[in-house]
């Protein structure tokens, strides 16, 4: 496999912080589902209107 420049990798915009982030090897199989740049942003994601946090206690 040929080396790729970081500037040639696909990128997305984080839904929480609105910063761009680039493809990582650990996201290779799930790139289409990745929405946030980090675990921190995923935890701080804005909740949908009327939605509540699901803590698993029903």
PDB file of N, CA and C in Angstrom:
ATOM      1  N   UNK A   1       0.841  -1.180   0.000  1.00  0.00           N
ATOM      2  CA  UNK A   1       0.000   0.000   0.000  1.00  0.00           C
ATOM      3  C   UNK A   1       0.886   1.244   0.000  1.00  0.00           C
ATOM      4  N   UNK A   2       0.536   2.185  -0.852  1.00  0.00           N
ATOM      5  CA  UNK A   2       1.302   3.418  -0.961  1.00  0.00           C
ATOM      6  C   UNK A   2       0.977   4.368   0.180  1.00  0.00           C
ATOM      7  N   UNK A   3       1.968   5.117   0.598  1.00  0.00           N
ATOM      8  CA  UNK A   3       1.749   6.142   1.621  1.00  0.00           C
ATOM      9  C   UNK A   3       0.927   7.274   1.012  1.00  0.00           C
ATOM     10  N   UNK A   4       0.019   7.818   1.792  1.00  0.00           N
ATOM     11  CA  UNK A   4      -0.796   8.945   1.352  1.00  0.00           C
ATOM     12  C   UNK A   4      -0.467  10.156   2.204  1.00  0.00           C
ATOM     13  N   UNK A   5      -0.525  11.293   1.584  1.00  0.00           N
ATOM     14  CA  UNK A   5      -0.336  12.532   2.335  1.00  0.00           C
ATOM     15  C   UNK A   5      -1.579  12.773   3.176  1.00  0.00           C
ATOM     16  N   UNK A   6      -1.394  13.376   4.341  1.00  0.00           N
ATOM     17  CA  UNK A   6      -2.525  13.664   5.206  1.00  0.00           C
ATOM     18  C   UNK A   6      -3.533  14.576   4.503  1.00  0.00           C
ATOM     19  N   UNK A   7      -3.047  15.463   3.662  1.00  0.00           N
ATOM     20  CA  UNK A   7      -3.941  16.374   2.951  1.00  0.00           C
ATOM     21  C   UNK A   7      -4.795  15.651   1.909  1.00  0.00           C
ATOM     22  N   UNK A   8      -4.417  14.422   1.529  1.00  0.00           N
ATOM     23  CA  UNK A   8      -5.178  13.649   0.558  1.00  0.00           C
ATOM     24  C   UNK A   8      -6.259  12.776   1.195  1.00  0.00           C
ATOM     25  N   UNK A   9      -6.286  12.689   2.530  1.00  0.00           N
ATOM     26  CA  UNK A   9      -7.267  11.857   3.216  1.00  0.00           C
ATOM     27  C   UNK A   9      -8.621  12.558   3.270  1.00  0.00           C
ATOM     28  N   UNK A  10      -9.710  11.790   3.300  1.00  0.00           N
ATOM     29  CA  UNK A  10     -11.033  12.411   3.397  1.00  0.00           C
ATOM     30  C   UNK A  10     -11.202  13.103   4.745  1.00  0.00           C
ATOM     31  N   UNK A  11     -12.041  14.128   4.779  1.00  0.00           N
ATOM     32  CA  UNK A  11     -12.276  14.843   6.022  1.00  0.00           C
ATOM     33  C   UNK A  11     -13.765  15.114   6.207  1.00  0.00           C
ATOM     34  N   UNK A  12     -14.133  15.437   7.435  1.00  0.00           N
ATOM     35  CA  UNK A  12     -15.503  15.780   7.804  1.00  0.00           C
ATOM     36  C   UNK A  12     -15.452  16.926   8.795  1.00  0.00           C
ATOM     37  N   UNK A  13     -16.624  17.509   9.075  1.00  0.00           N
ATOM     38  CA  UNK A  13     -16.753  18.561  10.070  1.00  0.00           C
ATOM     39  C   UNK A  13     -17.445  17.971  11.295  1.00  0.00           C
ATOM     40  N   UNK A  14     -16.885  18.177  12.465  1.00  0.00           N
ATOM     41  CA  UNK A  14     -17.451  17.672  13.713  1.00  0.00           C
ATOM     42  C   UNK A  14     -18.779  18.369  13.995  1.00  0.00           C
ATOM     43  N   UNK A  15     -19.780  17.608  14.403  1.00  0.00           N
ATOM     44  CA  UNK A  15     -21.111  18.161  14.669  1.00  0.00           C
ATOM     45  C   UNK A  15     -21.163  18.966  15.963  1.00  0.00           C
ATOM     46  N   UNK A  16     -20.220  18.761  16.865  1.00  0.00           N
ATOM     47  CA  UNK A  16     -20.235  19.485  18.126  1.00  0.00           C
ATOM     48  C   UNK A  16     -19.387  20.750  18.067  1.00  0.00           C
ATOM     49  N   UNK A  17     -18.134  20.614  17.685  1.00  0.00           N
ATOM     50  CA  UNK A  17     -17.214  21.758  17.729  1.00  0.00           C
ATOM     51  C   UNK A  17     -17.035  22.440  16.377  1.00  0.00           C
ATOM     52  N   UNK A  18     -17.577  21.867  15.311  1.00  0.00           N
ATOM     53  CA  UNK A  18     -17.515  22.416  13.956  1.00  0.00           C
ATOM     54  C   UNK A  18     -16.095  22.545  13.410  1.00  0.00           C
ATOM     55  N   UNK A  19     -15.184  21.754  13.931  1.00  0.00           N
ATOM     56  CA  UNK A  19     -13.811  21.731  13.416  1.00  0.00           C
ATOM     57  C   UNK A  19     -13.655  20.568  12.444  1.00  0.00           C
ATOM     58  N   UNK A  20     -12.808  20.729  11.446  1.00  0.00           N
ATOM     59  CA  UNK A  20     -12.582  19.613  10.515  1.00  0.00           C
ATOM     60  C   UNK A  20     -11.697  18.536  11.155  1.00  0.00           C
ATOM     61  N   UNK A  21     -11.952  17.296  10.786  1.00  0.00           N
ATOM     62  CA  UNK A  21     -11.084  16.197  11.202  1.00  0.00           C
ATOM     63  C   UNK A  21     -10.924  15.255  10.027  1.00  0.00           C
ATOM     64  N   UNK A  22      -9.792  14.546   9.995  1.00  0.00           N
ATOM     65  CA  UNK A  22      -9.494  13.684   8.852  1.00  0.00           C
ATOM     66  C   UNK A  22      -9.624  12.211   9.219  1.00  0.00           C
ATOM     67  N   UNK A  23      -9.745  11.402   8.190  1.00  0.00           N
ATOM     68  CA  UNK A  23      -9.867   9.955   8.301  1.00  0.00           C
ATOM     69  C   UNK A  23      -8.723   9.389   9.121  1.00  0.00           C
ATOM     70  N   UNK A  24      -9.043   8.402   9.959  1.00  0.00           N
ATOM     71  CA  UNK A  24      -8.021   7.670  10.725  1.00  0.00           C
ATOM     72  C   UNK A  24      -8.186   6.184  10.438  1.00  0.00           C
ATOM     73  N   UNK A  25      -7.096   5.471  10.530  1.00  0.00           N
ATOM     74  CA  UNK A  25      -7.130   4.041  10.224  1.00  0.00           C
ATOM     75  C   UNK A  25      -8.129   3.293  11.108  1.00  0.00           C
ATOM     76  N   UNK A  26      -8.255   3.696  12.381  1.00  0.00           N
ATOM     77  CA  UNK A  26      -9.182   3.003  13.279  1.00  0.00           C
ATOM     78  C   UNK A  26     -10.640   3.209  12.865  1.00  0.00           C
ATOM     79  N   UNK A  27     -10.917   4.221  12.032  1.00  0.00           N
ATOM     80  CA  UNK A  27     -12.258   4.479  11.534  1.00  0.00           C
ATOM     81  C   UNK A  27     -12.486   3.863  10.150  1.00  0.00           C
ATOM     82  N   UNK A  28     -11.585   3.066   9.657  1.00  0.00           N
ATOM     83  CA  UNK A  28     -11.659   2.545   8.287  1.00  0.00           C
ATOM     84  C   UNK A  28     -12.976   1.823   7.998  1.00  0.00           C
ATOM     85  N   UNK A  29     -13.447   1.012   8.925  1.00  0.00           N
ATOM     86  CA  UNK A  29     -14.661   0.230   8.686  1.00  0.00           C
ATOM     87  C   UNK A  29     -15.938   1.008   8.988  1.00  0.00           C
ATOM     88  N   UNK A  30     -15.837   2.090   9.756  1.00  0.00           N
ATOM     89  CA  UNK A  30     -17.039   2.810  10.181  1.00  0.00           C
ATOM     90  C   UNK A  30     -17.016   4.285   9.794  1.00  0.00           C
ATOM     91  N   UNK A  31     -16.228   4.665   8.800  1.00  0.00           N
ATOM     92  CA  UNK A  31     -16.078   6.075   8.438  1.00  0.00           C
ATOM     93  C   UNK A  31     -17.424   6.752   8.159  1.00  0.00           C
ATOM     94  N   UNK A  32     -18.363   6.059   7.535  1.00  0.00           N
ATOM     95  CA  UNK A  32     -19.654   6.664   7.223  1.00  0.00           C
ATOM     96  C   UNK A  32     -20.475   6.976   8.471  1.00  0.00           C
ATOM     97  N   UNK A  33     -20.229   6.274   9.573  1.00  0.00           N
ATOM     98  CA  UNK A  33     -20.968   6.492  10.811  1.00  0.00           C
ATOM     99  C   UNK A  33     -20.283   7.483  11.747  1.00  0.00           C
ATOM    100  N   UNK A  34     -19.035   7.828  11.492  1.00  0.00           N
ATOM    101  CA  UNK A  34     -18.295   8.744  12.372  1.00  0.00           C
ATOM    102  C   UNK A  34     -18.851  10.156  12.208  1.00  0.00           C
ATOM    103  N   UNK A  35     -19.297  10.758  13.322  1.00  0.00           N
ATOM    104  CA  UNK A  35     -19.900  12.081  13.289  1.00  0.00           C
ATOM    105  C   UNK A  35     -19.143  13.106  14.127  1.00  0.00           C
ATOM    106  N   UNK A  36     -18.317  12.628  15.053  1.00  0.00           N
ATOM    107  CA  UNK A  36     -17.634  13.516  15.987  1.00  0.00           C
ATOM    108  C   UNK A  36     -16.130  13.289  15.926  1.00  0.00           C
ATOM    109  N   UNK A  37     -15.364  14.343  16.199  1.00  0.00           N
ATOM    110  CA  UNK A  37     -13.908  14.261  16.076  1.00  0.00           C
ATOM    111  C   UNK A  37     -13.254  13.526  17.247  1.00  0.00           C
ATOM    112  N   UNK A  38     -13.943  13.453  18.397  1.00  0.00           N
ATOM    113  CA  UNK A  38     -13.354  12.835  19.579  1.00  0.00           C
ATOM    114  C   UNK A  38     -14.437  12.313  20.512  1.00  0.00           C
ATOM    115  N   UNK A  39     -14.018  11.539  21.506  1.00  0.00           N
ATOM    116  CA  UNK A  39     -14.955  11.066  22.520  1.00  0.00           C
ATOM    117  C   UNK A  39     -15.534  12.238  23.303  1.00  0.00           C
ATOM    118  N   UNK A  40     -14.724  13.246  23.558  1.00  0.00           N
ATOM    119  CA  UNK A  40     -15.193  14.419  24.288  1.00  0.00           C
ATOM    120  C   UNK A  40     -16.352  15.086  23.551  1.00  0.00           C
ATOM    121  N   UNK A  41     -16.210  15.295  22.255  1.00  0.00           N
ATOM    122  CA  UNK A  41     -17.280  15.910  21.461  1.00  0.00           C
ATOM    123  C   UNK A  41     -18.506  15.008  21.388  1.00  0.00           C
ATOM    124  N   UNK A  42     -18.290  13.713  21.329  1.00  0.00           N
ATOM    125  CA  UNK A  42     -19.415  12.782  21.287  1.00  0.00           C
ATOM    126  C   UNK A  42     -20.208  12.867  22.588  1.00  0.00           C
ATOM    127  N   UNK A  43     -19.531  12.973  23.722  1.00  0.00           N
ATOM    128  CA  UNK A  43     -20.205  13.078  25.015  1.00  0.00           C
ATOM    129  C   UNK A  43     -20.896  14.423  25.197  1.00  0.00           C
ATOM    130  N   UNK A  44     -20.377  15.467  24.568  1.00  0.00           N
ATOM    131  CA  UNK A  44     -20.951  16.803  24.688  1.00  0.00           C
ATOM    132  C   UNK A  44     -21.932  17.123  23.571  1.00  0.00           C
ATOM    133  N   UNK A  45     -22.260  16.138  22.752  1.00  0.00           N
ATOM    134  CA  UNK A  45     -23.133  16.374  21.604  1.00  0.00           C
ATOM    135  C   UNK A  45     -24.441  17.018  22.054  1.00  0.00           C
ATOM    136  N   UNK A  46     -24.963  17.887  21.214  1.00  0.00           N
ATOM    137  CA  UNK A  46     -26.245  18.506  21.556  1.00  0.00           C
ATOM    138  C   UNK A  46     -27.361  17.473  21.476  1.00  0.00           C
ATOM    139  N   UNK A  47     -28.221  17.472  22.480  1.00  0.00           N
ATOM    140  CA  UNK A  47     -29.338  16.533  22.487  1.00  0.00           C
ATOM    141  C   UNK A  47     -30.435  17.047  21.565  1.00  0.00           C
ATOM    142  N   UNK A  48     -31.100  16.143  20.884  1.00  0.00           N
ATOM    143  CA  UNK A  48     -32.206  16.518  19.995  1.00  0.00           C
ATOM    144  C   UNK A  48     -33.344  17.092  20.832  1.00  0.00           C
ATOM    145  N   UNK A  49     -34.136  17.959  20.242  1.00  0.00           N
ATOM    146  CA  UNK A  49     -35.242  18.588  20.956  1.00  0.00           C
ATOM    147  C   UNK A  49     -36.191  17.528  21.504  1.00  0.00           C
ATOM    148  N   UNK A  50     -36.476  17.605  22.787  1.00  0.00           N
ATOM    149  CA  UNK A  50     -37.389  16.668  23.413  1.00  0.00           C
ATOM    150  C   UNK A  50     -36.751  15.342  23.795  1.00  0.00           C
ATOM    151  N   UNK A  51     -35.509  15.137  23.426  1.00  0.00           N
ATOM    152  CA  UNK A  51     -34.836  13.884  23.764  1.00  0.00           C
ATOM    153  C   UNK A  51     -34.199  13.991  25.144  1.00  0.00           C
ATOM    154  N   UNK A  52     -34.028  12.870  25.785  1.00  0.00           N
ATOM    155  CA  UNK A  52     -33.345  12.845  27.076  1.00  0.00           C
ATOM    156  C   UNK A  52     -32.144  11.925  26.976  1.00  0.00           C
ATOM    157  N   UNK A  53     -31.203  12.103  27.869  1.00  0.00           N
ATOM    158  CA  UNK A  53     -30.032  11.238  27.861  1.00  0.00           C
ATOM    159  C   UNK A  53     -30.440   9.853  28.282  1.00  0.00           C
ATOM    160  N   UNK A  54     -29.937   8.852  27.601  1.00  0.00           N
ATOM    161  CA  UNK A  54     -30.237   7.478  27.925  1.00  0.00           C
ATOM    162  C   UNK A  54     -29.118   6.934  28.789  1.00  0.00           C
ATOM    163  N   UNK A  55     -29.382   6.800  30.077  1.00  0.00           N
ATOM    164  CA  UNK A  55     -28.354   6.292  30.984  1.00  0.00           C
ATOM    165  C   UNK A  55     -28.524   4.804  31.244  1.00  0.00           C
ATOM    166  N   UNK A  56     -29.507   4.181  30.573  1.00  0.00           N
ATOM    167  CA  UNK A  56     -29.685   2.749  30.691  1.00  0.00           C
ATOM    168  C   UNK A  56     -30.597   2.351  31.839  1.00  0.00           C
ATOM    169  N   UNK A  57     -31.029   3.275  32.682  1.00  0.00           N
ATOM    170  CA  UNK A  57     -31.911   2.955  33.786  1.00  0.00           C
ATOM    171  C   UNK A  57     -33.351   3.205  33.375  1.00  0.00           C
ATOM    172  N   UNK A  58     -34.044   2.151  33.005  1.00  0.00           N
ATOM    173  CA  UNK A  58     -35.457   2.291  32.582  1.00  0.00           C
ATOM    174  C   UNK A  58     -36.385   1.910  33.691  1.00  0.00           C
TER     175      UNK A  58
END
